[in-house]
């Protein structure tokens, strides 16, 4: 079964809800989203304009990553990971987990 994970808009509390409210309080998350918007990396509807693996968002968000201890290294950085999820190009995500689990449990139940 293929579970599609669509792109996600970056609303003002995106980093707060997707990473951690202690690392990225709502006011910080809002500033991060505004910085991406001002750099033209977000469409007016909040969706990323480019694949985060191929655009220069790191320079824009670096001032916010230091306090959180985020290195911004691909595949290790929480910010990097949630931006990949937001773009809809990520191999792992918490989204769709319940649907996948129900699918697997149904298969196990059907076998037994």
Foldseek 3Di string as FASTA:
>chain_A
DDDAQAAAFQDQCNCCVQPHCVLQPSVNSNVLLVLCVVVVQADPRRAGPDQPVPDDSCVSCVVSVVSSVAPPDPPRGSVNQSNNSNNRNDPDDPPCPVVVVVVVVVVVVVVD
